[in-house]
Structures are given as structure tokens and as C-alpha cells.
Amino acid sequence: QDIAIDAYRIEAVSADRQGAMAATYI
């Protein structure tokens, strides 16, 4: 599940939104 969620998180939004994706994930 971690592998798939990590891949989804990266592919779902642009690079500038990755920090926010990481924050809500944490």
C-alpha cells in the first residue's frame, strides 16, 4: 500500500503541490 500511495501522491499533482500532499499525508 505504501508503494502504491507514494506513486499516486507523486503522479496526482504538480511538483509545487508535493509539499502540501506530504503534509496532509503526515
PDB file of all heavy atoms in Angstrom:
ATOM      1  N   GLN A   1       0.834  -1.207   0.000  1.00  0.00           N
ATOM      2  CA  GLN A   1       0.000   0.000   0.000  1.00  0.00           C
ATOM      3  C   GLN A   1       0.866   1.253   0.000  1.00  0.00           C
ATOM      4  O   GLN A   1       0.575   2.225  -0.704  1.00  0.00           O
ATOM      5  CB  GLN A   1      -0.931   0.007   1.219  1.00  0.00           C
ATOM      6  CG  GLN A   1      -1.827   1.229   1.265  1.00  0.00           C
ATOM      7  CD  GLN A   1      -2.639   1.340   2.544  1.00  0.00           C
ATOM      8  OE1 GLN A   1      -3.814   1.636   2.523  1.00  0.00           O
ATOM      9  NE2 GLN A   1      -2.004   1.111   3.686  1.00  0.00           N
ATOM     10  N   ASP A   2       1.943   1.240   0.774  1.00  0.00           N
ATOM     11  CA  ASP A   2       2.859   2.389   0.802  1.00  0.00           C
ATOM     12  C   ASP A   2       3.424   2.672  -0.584  1.00  0.00           C
ATOM     13  O   ASP A   2       3.519   3.835  -1.001  1.00  0.00           O
ATOM     14  CB  ASP A   2       4.011   2.116   1.779  1.00  0.00           C
ATOM     15  CG  ASP A   2       3.602   2.290   3.227  1.00  0.00           C
ATOM     16  OD1 ASP A   2       2.446   2.685   3.471  1.00  0.00           O
ATOM     17  OD2 ASP A   2       4.429   2.014   4.113  1.00  0.00           O
ATOM     18  N   ILE A   3       3.830   1.609  -1.295  1.00  0.00           N
ATOM     19  CA  ILE A   3       4.391   1.779  -2.636  1.00  0.00           C
ATOM     20  C   ILE A   3       3.372   2.455  -3.553  1.00  0.00           C
ATOM     21  O   ILE A   3       3.681   3.417  -4.271  1.00  0.00           O
ATOM     22  CB  ILE A   3       4.811   0.420  -3.220  1.00  0.00           C
ATOM     23  CG1 ILE A   3       5.957  -0.199  -2.413  1.00  0.00           C
ATOM     24  CG2 ILE A   3       5.226   0.566  -4.689  1.00  0.00           C
ATOM     25  CD1 ILE A   3       6.248  -1.640  -2.775  1.00  0.00           C
ATOM     26  N   ALA A   4       2.135   1.954  -3.519  1.00  0.00           N
ATOM     27  CA  ALA A   4       1.095   2.472  -4.410  1.00  0.00           C
ATOM     28  C   ALA A   4       0.685   3.887  -4.037  1.00  0.00           C
ATOM     29  O   ALA A   4       0.482   4.739  -4.911  1.00  0.00           O
ATOM     30  CB  ALA A   4      -0.120   1.543  -4.375  1.00  0.00           C
ATOM     31  N   ILE A   5       0.576   4.185  -2.739  1.00  0.00           N
ATOM     32  CA  ILE A   5       0.186   5.530  -2.307  1.00  0.00           C
ATOM     33  C   ILE A   5       1.277   6.538  -2.629  1.00  0.00           C
ATOM     34  O   ILE A   5       0.993   7.662  -3.070  1.00  0.00           O
ATOM     35  CB  ILE A   5      -0.150   5.537  -0.797  1.00  0.00           C
ATOM     36  CG1 ILE A   5      -1.468   4.804  -0.547  1.00  0.00           C
ATOM     37  CG2 ILE A   5      -0.248   6.964  -0.272  1.00  0.00           C
ATOM     38  CD1 ILE A   5      -1.858   4.715   0.914  1.00  0.00           C
ATOM     39  N   ASP A   6       2.538   6.161  -2.415  1.00  0.00           N
ATOM     40  CA  ASP A   6       3.645   7.057  -2.761  1.00  0.00           C
ATOM     41  C   ASP A   6       3.607   7.401  -4.255  1.00  0.00           C
ATOM     42  O   ASP A   6       3.792   8.557  -4.648  1.00  0.00           O
ATOM     43  CB  ASP A   6       4.993   6.412  -2.411  1.00  0.00           C
ATOM     44  CG  ASP A   6       5.283   6.417  -0.925  1.00  0.00           C
ATOM     45  OD1 ASP A   6       4.705   7.268  -0.211  1.00  0.00           O
ATOM     46  OD2 ASP A   6       6.074   5.582  -0.467  1.00  0.00           O
ATOM     47  N   ALA A   7       3.371   6.381  -5.084  1.00  0.00           N
ATOM     48  CA  ALA A   7       3.314   6.614  -6.526  1.00  0.00           C
ATOM     49  C   ALA A   7       2.127   7.495  -6.886  1.00  0.00           C
ATOM     50  O   ALA A   7       2.246   8.423  -7.699  1.00  0.00           O
ATOM     51  CB  ALA A   7       3.224   5.277  -7.262  1.00  0.00           C
ATOM     52  N   TYR A   8       0.986   7.228  -6.282  1.00  0.00           N
ATOM     53  CA  TYR A   8      -0.203   8.055  -6.540  1.00  0.00           C
ATOM     54  C   TYR A   8       0.041   9.502  -6.132  1.00  0.00           C
ATOM     55  O   TYR A   8      -0.304  10.438  -6.872  1.00  0.00           O
ATOM     56  CB  TYR A   8      -1.408   7.499  -5.780  1.00  0.00           C
ATOM     57  CG  TYR A   8      -2.585   8.453  -5.765  1.00  0.00           C
ATOM     58  CD1 TYR A   8      -3.473   8.512  -6.841  1.00  0.00           C
ATOM     59  CD2 TYR A   8      -2.775   9.327  -4.699  1.00  0.00           C
ATOM     60  CE1 TYR A   8      -4.527   9.406  -6.838  1.00  0.00           C
ATOM     61  CE2 TYR A   8      -3.832  10.218  -4.692  1.00  0.00           C
ATOM     62  CZ  TYR A   8      -4.702  10.262  -5.758  1.00  0.00           C
ATOM     63  OH  TYR A   8      -5.739  11.164  -5.763  1.00  0.00           O
ATOM     64  N   ARG A   9       0.629   9.701  -4.950  1.00  0.00           N
ATOM     65  CA  ARG A   9       0.865  11.067  -4.447  1.00  0.00           C
ATOM     66  C   ARG A   9       1.728  11.868  -5.417  1.00  0.00           C
ATOM     67  O   ARG A   9       1.463  13.046  -5.674  1.00  0.00           O
ATOM     68  CB  ARG A   9       1.563  10.993  -3.088  1.00  0.00           C
ATOM     69  CG  ARG A   9       1.704  12.347  -2.405  1.00  0.00           C
ATOM     70  CD  ARG A   9       2.615  12.306  -1.199  1.00  0.00           C
ATOM     71  NE  ARG A   9       3.997  12.082  -1.591  1.00  0.00           N
ATOM     72  CZ  ARG A   9       4.675  10.970  -1.328  1.00  0.00           C
ATOM     73  NH1 ARG A   9       4.106   9.985  -0.687  1.00  0.00           N
ATOM     74  NH2 ARG A   9       5.923  10.832  -1.740  1.00  0.00           N
ATOM     75  N   ILE A  10       2.727  11.241  -5.972  1.00  0.00           N
ATOM     76  CA  ILE A  10       3.641  11.937  -6.877  1.00  0.00           C
ATOM     77  C   ILE A  10       2.968  12.249  -8.209  1.00  0.00           C
ATOM     78  O   ILE A  10       3.144  13.327  -8.779  1.00  0.00           O
ATOM     79  CB  ILE A  10       4.901  11.083  -7.098  1.00  0.00           C
ATOM     80  CG1 ILE A  10       5.672  10.934  -5.781  1.00  0.00           C
ATOM     81  CG2 ILE A  10       5.801  11.690  -8.170  1.00  0.00           C
ATOM     82  CD1 ILE A  10       6.752   9.867  -5.818  1.00  0.00           C
ATOM     83  N   GLU A  11       2.160  11.319  -8.701  1.00  0.00           N
ATOM     84  CA  GLU A  11       1.559  11.473 -10.023  1.00  0.00           C
ATOM     85  C   GLU A  11       0.295  12.316 -10.022  1.00  0.00           C
ATOM     86  O   GLU A  11      -0.106  12.847 -11.068  1.00  0.00           O
ATOM     87  CB  GLU A  11       1.241  10.082 -10.598  1.00  0.00           C
ATOM     88  CG  GLU A  11       2.467   9.222 -10.830  1.00  0.00           C
ATOM     89  CD  GLU A  11       2.147   7.781 -11.172  1.00  0.00           C
ATOM     90  OE1 GLU A  11       0.945   7.425 -11.163  1.00  0.00           O
ATOM     91  OE2 GLU A  11       3.086   7.015 -11.440  1.00  0.00           O
ATOM     92  N   ALA A  12      -0.341  12.475  -8.853  1.00  0.00           N
ATOM     93  CA  ALA A  12      -1.666  13.094  -8.802  1.00  0.00           C
ATOM     94  C   ALA A  12      -1.642  14.604  -8.954  1.00  0.00           C
ATOM     95  O   ALA A  12      -2.618  15.199  -9.420  1.00  0.00           O
ATOM     96  CB  ALA A  12      -2.371  12.709  -7.498  1.00  0.00           C
ATOM     97  N   VAL A  13      -0.551  15.263  -8.527  1.00  0.00           N
ATOM     98  CA  VAL A  13      -0.499  16.727  -8.573  1.00  0.00           C
ATOM     99  C   VAL A  13       0.858  17.182  -9.091  1.00  0.00           C
ATOM    100  O   VAL A  13       1.800  16.395  -9.197  1.00  0.00           O
ATOM    101  CB  VAL A  13      -0.747  17.351  -7.174  1.00  0.00           C
ATOM    102  CG1 VAL A  13      -2.124  16.990  -6.639  1.00  0.00           C
ATOM    103  CG2 VAL A  13       0.331  16.930  -6.184  1.00  0.00           C
ATOM    104  N   SER A  14       0.953  18.471  -9.381  1.00  0.00           N
ATOM    105  CA  SER A  14       2.202  19.055  -9.873  1.00  0.00           C
ATOM    106  C   SER A  14       3.236  19.133  -8.758  1.00  0.00           C
ATOM    107  O   SER A  14       2.918  18.988  -7.566  1.00  0.00           O
ATOM    108  CB  SER A  14       1.945  20.453 -10.437  1.00  0.00           C
ATOM    109  OG  SER A  14       1.342  21.283  -9.463  1.00  0.00           O
ATOM    110  N   ALA A  15       4.499  19.399  -9.136  1.00  0.00           N
ATOM    111  CA  ALA A  15       5.610  19.389  -8.179  1.00  0.00           C
ATOM    112  C   ALA A  15       5.434  20.412  -7.074  1.00  0.00           C
ATOM    113  O   ALA A  15       5.815  20.173  -5.930  1.00  0.00           O
ATOM    114  CB  ALA A  15       6.930  19.628  -8.918  1.00  0.00           C
ATOM    115  N   ASP A  16       4.839  21.582  -7.376  1.00  0.00           N
ATOM    116  CA  ASP A  16       4.718  22.622  -6.351  1.00  0.00           C
ATOM    117  C   ASP A  16       3.688  22.272  -5.280  1.00  0.00           C
ATOM    118  O   ASP A  16       3.666  22.896  -4.208  1.00  0.00           O
ATOM    119  CB  ASP A  16       4.395  23.985  -6.983  1.00  0.00           C
ATOM    120  CG  ASP A  16       3.127  23.953  -7.821  1.00  0.00           C
ATOM    121  OD1 ASP A  16       2.583  22.854  -8.030  1.00  0.00           O
ATOM    122  OD2 ASP A  16       2.692  25.029  -8.283  1.00  0.00           O
ATOM    123  N   ARG A  17       2.833  21.295  -5.542  1.00  0.00           N
ATOM    124  CA  ARG A  17       1.848  20.870  -4.540  1.00  0.00           C
ATOM    125  C   ARG A  17       2.326  19.664  -3.738  1.00  0.00           C
ATOM    126  O   ARG A  17       1.611  19.191  -2.850  1.00  0.00           O
ATOM    127  CB  ARG A  17       0.513  20.529  -5.220  1.00  0.00           C
ATOM    128  CG  ARG A  17      -0.227  21.730  -5.798  1.00  0.00           C
ATOM    129  CD  ARG A  17      -1.639  21.333  -6.221  1.00  0.00           C
ATOM    130  NE  ARG A  17      -2.405  22.498  -6.636  1.00  0.00           N
ATOM    131  CZ  ARG A  17      -2.583  22.873  -7.897  1.00  0.00           C
ATOM    132  NH1 ARG A  17      -2.020  22.162  -8.864  1.00  0.00           N
ATOM    133  NH2 ARG A  17      -3.304  23.940  -8.187  1.00  0.00           N
ATOM    134  N   GLN A  18       3.523  19.141  -4.044  1.00  0.00           N
ATOM    135  CA  GLN A  18       4.005  17.946  -3.365  1.00  0.00           C
ATOM    136  C   GLN A  18       4.233  18.172  -1.873  1.00  0.00           C
ATOM    137  O   GLN A  18       4.031  17.267  -1.061  1.00  0.00           O
ATOM    138  CB  GLN A  18       5.285  17.437  -4.025  1.00  0.00           C
ATOM    139  CG  GLN A  18       5.084  16.818  -5.406  1.00  0.00           C
ATOM    140  CD  GLN A  18       4.193  15.590  -5.382  1.00  0.00           C
ATOM    141  OE1 GLN A  18       4.157  14.851  -4.400  1.00  0.00           O
ATOM    142  NE2 GLN A  18       3.469  15.370  -6.465  1.00  0.00           N
ATOM    143  N   GLY A  19       4.658  19.366  -1.498  1.00  0.00           N
ATOM    144  CA  GLY A  19       4.855  19.660  -0.081  1.00  0.00           C
ATOM    145  C   GLY A  19       3.555  19.579   0.696  1.00  0.00           C
ATOM    146  O   GLY A  19       3.504  19.033   1.814  1.00  0.00           O
ATOM    147  N   ALA A  20       2.470  20.108   0.120  1.00  0.00           N
ATOM    148  CA  ALA A  20       1.165  20.047   0.774  1.00  0.00           C
ATOM    149  C   ALA A  20       0.656  18.611   0.822  1.00  0.00           C
ATOM    150  O   ALA A  20       0.059  18.189   1.826  1.00  0.00           O
ATOM    151  CB  ALA A  20       0.170  20.943   0.031  1.00  0.00           C
ATOM    152  N   MET A  21       0.882  17.846  -0.252  1.00  0.00           N
ATOM    153  CA  MET A  21       0.489  16.433  -0.246  1.00  0.00           C
ATOM    154  C   MET A  21       1.222  15.679   0.860  1.00  0.00           C
ATOM    155  O   MET A  21       0.633  14.856   1.574  1.00  0.00           O
ATOM    156  CB  MET A  21       0.802  15.801  -1.605  1.00  0.00           C
ATOM    157  CG  MET A  21      -0.034  16.307  -2.756  1.00  0.00           C
ATOM    158  SD  MET A  21      -1.712  15.654  -2.795  1.00  0.00           S
ATOM    159  CE  MET A  21      -1.458  14.124  -3.701  1.00  0.00           C
ATOM    160  N   ALA A  22       2.505  15.970   1.012  1.00  0.00           N
ATOM    161  CA  ALA A  22       3.292  15.334   2.072  1.00  0.00           C
ATOM    162  C   ALA A  22       2.772  15.734   3.451  1.00  0.00           C
ATOM    163  O   ALA A  22       2.699  14.903   4.361  1.00  0.00           O
ATOM    164  CB  ALA A  22       4.763  15.714   1.937  1.00  0.00           C
ATOM    165  N   ALA A  23       2.404  17.006   3.612  1.00  0.00           N
ATOM    166  CA  ALA A  23       1.933  17.498   4.914  1.00  0.00           C
ATOM    167  C   ALA A  23       0.641  16.814   5.334  1.00  0.00           C
ATOM    168  O   ALA A  23       0.505  16.361   6.481  1.00  0.00           O
ATOM    169  CB  ALA A  23       1.748  19.015   4.858  1.00  0.00           C
ATOM    170  N   THR A  24      -0.340  16.723   4.427  1.00  0.00           N
ATOM    171  CA  THR A  24      -1.605  16.076   4.788  1.00  0.00           C
ATOM    172  C   THR A  24      -1.415  14.569   4.969  1.00  0.00           C
ATOM    173  O   THR A  24      -2.062  13.954   5.822  1.00  0.00           O
ATOM    174  CB  THR A  24      -2.679  16.344   3.727  1.00  0.00           C
ATOM    175  OG1 THR A  24      -2.173  16.005   2.425  1.00  0.00           O
ATOM    176  CG2 THR A  24      -3.092  17.803   3.733  1.00  0.00           C
ATOM    177  N   TYR A  25      -0.501  13.985   4.198  1.00  0.00           N
ATOM    178  CA  TYR A  25      -0.176  12.571   4.368  1.00  0.00           C
ATOM    179  C   TYR A  25       0.389  12.329   5.774  1.00  0.00           C
ATOM    180  O   TYR A  25      -0.032  11.392   6.469  1.00  0.00           O
ATOM    181  CB  TYR A  25       0.833  12.149   3.306  1.00  0.00           C
ATOM    182  CG  TYR A  25       1.358  10.738   3.456  1.00  0.00           C
ATOM    183  CD1 TYR A  25       0.672   9.656   2.913  1.00  0.00           C
ATOM    184  CD2 TYR A  25       2.543  10.477   4.140  1.00  0.00           C
ATOM    185  CE1 TYR A  25       1.155   8.354   3.042  1.00  0.00           C
ATOM    186  CE2 TYR A  25       3.030   9.190   4.274  1.00  0.00           C
ATOM    187  CZ  TYR A  25       2.327   8.134   3.726  1.00  0.00           C
ATOM    188  OH  TYR A  25       2.809   6.848   3.878  1.00  0.00           O
ATOM    189  N   ILE A  26       1.331  13.169   6.191  1.00  0.00           N
ATOM    190  CA  ILE A  26       1.939  13.032   7.524  1.00  0.00           C
ATOM    191  C   ILE A  26       0.885  13.192   8.611  1.00  0.00           C
ATOM    192  O   ILE A  26       0.871  12.450   9.603  1.00  0.00           O
ATOM    193  CB  ILE A  26       3.069  14.063   7.706  1.00  0.00           C
ATOM    194  CG1 ILE A  26       4.232  13.752   6.754  1.00  0.00           C
ATOM    195  CG2 ILE A  26       3.561  14.087   9.153  1.00  0.00           C
ATOM    196  CD1 ILE A  26       5.250  14.864   6.659  1.00  0.00           C
TER     197      ILE A  26
END
